[in-house]
Amino acid sequence: MPAIGSPEHLLVLQCSDRGLPEPTLEYRFCERRWRFDAAFVDQMLAVEVEGGAWTRGRHTRGKGFEADIMKYNAATILGWRLLRFTPAMVYSGIAIAHIERALTKRN
């Protein structure tokens, strides 16, 4: 589970503040047992917080980047909508604004 104070837990608090449904953290979505950082399961909206963008972290190096592509493509094929953010985008409020739009503007 993500630590208290992590971007994922901040998203939960931001959702509560805005009256949005609470996401499920570390949600397993397929037979490969891949996990989303957060998921609004009823709306099939997944949220990934991509750490290490500026430090050559796992998500930006070849093998990790390729594994993420496989995971995201599998999610899309299964009908999930996916939003990706950096931790800075969560802390600044950009992420919750996009999540709110995705949850309320679904056509």
Protein backbone atom coordinates (compact mmCIF):
# COMPACT_ATOMS: atom_id res chain seq x y z
CA MET A 1 0.00 0.00 0.00
CA PRO A 2 1.22 3.52 -0.69
CA ALA A 3 2.47 5.42 2.35
CA ILE A 4 0.37 8.07 4.03
CA GLY A 5 1.44 11.36 2.51
CA SER A 6 2.08 9.73 -0.86
CA PRO A 7 0.55 11.22 -4.01
CA GLU A 8 -1.94 8.33 -4.14
CA HIS A 9 -3.20 9.03 -0.64
CA LEU A 10 -3.39 12.74 -1.43
CA LEU A 11 -5.65 11.85 -4.37
CA VAL A 12 -8.02 10.10 -1.96
CA LEU A 13 -8.18 13.23 0.20
CA GLN A 14 -8.65 15.47 -2.83
CA CYS A 15 -11.53 13.29 -4.03
CA SER A 16 -13.18 13.52 -0.63
CA ASP A 17 -12.77 17.31 -0.58
CA ARG A 18 -14.51 17.56 -3.96
CA GLY A 19 -17.28 15.07 -3.20
CA LEU A 20 -15.95 12.57 -5.72
CA PRO A 21 -16.01 8.81 -5.18
CA GLU A 22 -13.00 7.38 -3.36
CA PRO A 23 -10.64 5.48 -5.64
CA THR A 24 -9.43 1.99 -4.85
CA LEU A 25 -5.67 2.09 -4.34
CA GLU A 26 -3.43 -0.63 -5.82
CA TYR A 27 -6.36 -2.12 -7.79
CA ARG A 28 -5.57 -5.37 -9.65
CA PHE A 29 -7.25 -5.27 -13.03
CA CYS A 30 -6.40 -8.39 -15.05
CA GLU A 31 -5.16 -11.98 -15.02
CA ARG A 32 -1.56 -10.71 -15.07
CA ARG A 33 -2.39 -9.15 -11.71
CA TRP A 34 -1.11 -5.76 -12.82
CA ARG A 35 -2.14 -2.95 -10.53
CA PHE A 36 -3.29 0.59 -11.06
CA ASP A 37 -2.08 3.12 -8.50
CA ALA A 38 -5.72 4.18 -8.13
CA ALA A 39 -8.92 3.11 -9.85
CA PHE A 40 -12.49 4.28 -10.00
CA VAL A 41 -13.71 0.77 -10.70
CA ASP A 42 -17.37 1.52 -11.49
CA GLN A 43 -16.30 4.11 -14.08
CA MET A 44 -13.37 2.01 -15.34
CA LEU A 45 -11.07 5.00 -14.86
CA ALA A 46 -7.49 4.19 -13.88
CA VAL A 47 -4.90 6.59 -12.50
CA GLU A 48 -1.16 6.06 -12.62
CA VAL A 49 1.29 8.31 -10.78
CA GLU A 50 4.59 8.03 -12.62
CA GLY A 51 7.48 8.61 -10.24
CA GLY A 52 11.06 9.20 -11.28
CA ALA A 53 10.31 11.24 -14.40
CA TRP A 54 13.23 13.60 -13.69
CA THR A 55 15.62 11.09 -12.12
CA ARG A 56 15.72 8.30 -14.70
CA GLY A 57 13.41 6.23 -12.56
CA ARG A 58 11.89 2.88 -13.49
CA HIS A 59 9.14 4.41 -15.63
CA THR A 60 11.59 6.26 -17.89
CA ARG A 61 14.22 3.58 -18.50
CA GLY A 62 13.83 1.15 -21.40
CA LYS A 63 12.68 -2.03 -19.66
CA GLY A 64 10.32 -0.29 -17.22
CA PHE A 65 8.93 1.97 -19.92
CA GLU A 66 8.23 -1.01 -22.16
CA ALA A 67 6.55 -2.92 -19.30
CA ASP A 68 4.33 0.10 -18.63
CA ILE A 69 3.32 0.20 -22.29
CA MET A 70 2.27 -3.46 -22.14
CA LYS A 71 0.25 -2.80 -18.97
CA TYR A 72 -1.44 0.31 -20.37
CA ASN A 73 -2.28 -1.36 -23.67
CA ALA A 74 -3.81 -4.35 -21.84
CA ALA A 75 -5.91 -1.96 -19.76
CA THR A 76 -7.12 -0.12 -22.87
CA ILE A 77 -8.05 -3.38 -24.61
CA LEU A 78 -10.09 -4.30 -21.52
CA GLY A 79 -11.98 -1.01 -21.76
CA TRP A 80 -10.22 1.05 -19.09
CA ARG A 81 -9.62 4.78 -19.48
CA LEU A 82 -6.20 5.74 -18.15
CA LEU A 83 -4.92 9.03 -16.78
CA ARG A 84 -1.20 9.42 -16.06
CA PHE A 85 0.37 12.04 -13.81
CA THR A 86 3.63 12.89 -12.11
CA PRO A 87 3.65 13.36 -8.32
CA ALA A 88 4.08 17.13 -8.90
CA MET A 89 0.83 17.14 -10.89
CA VAL A 90 -0.97 15.52 -7.94
CA TYR A 91 0.47 17.95 -5.39
CA SER A 92 -0.34 20.99 -7.56
CA GLY A 93 -3.99 20.01 -8.11
CA ILE A 94 -3.65 19.40 -11.85
CA ALA A 95 -4.35 15.69 -11.46
CA ILE A 96 -7.55 16.02 -9.42
CA ALA A 97 -8.89 18.60 -11.89
CA HIS A 98 -8.41 16.13 -14.75
CA ILE A 99 -9.87 13.25 -12.73
CA GLU A 100 -12.93 15.32 -11.85
CA ARG A 101 -13.47 16.14 -15.53
CA ALA A 102 -13.08 12.50 -16.52
CA LEU A 103 -15.58 11.37 -13.87
CA THR A 104 -18.18 14.03 -14.64
CA LYS A 105 -17.87 14.44 -18.42
CA ARG A 106 -18.16 10.80 -19.46
CA ASN A 107 -20.18 10.44 -22.65
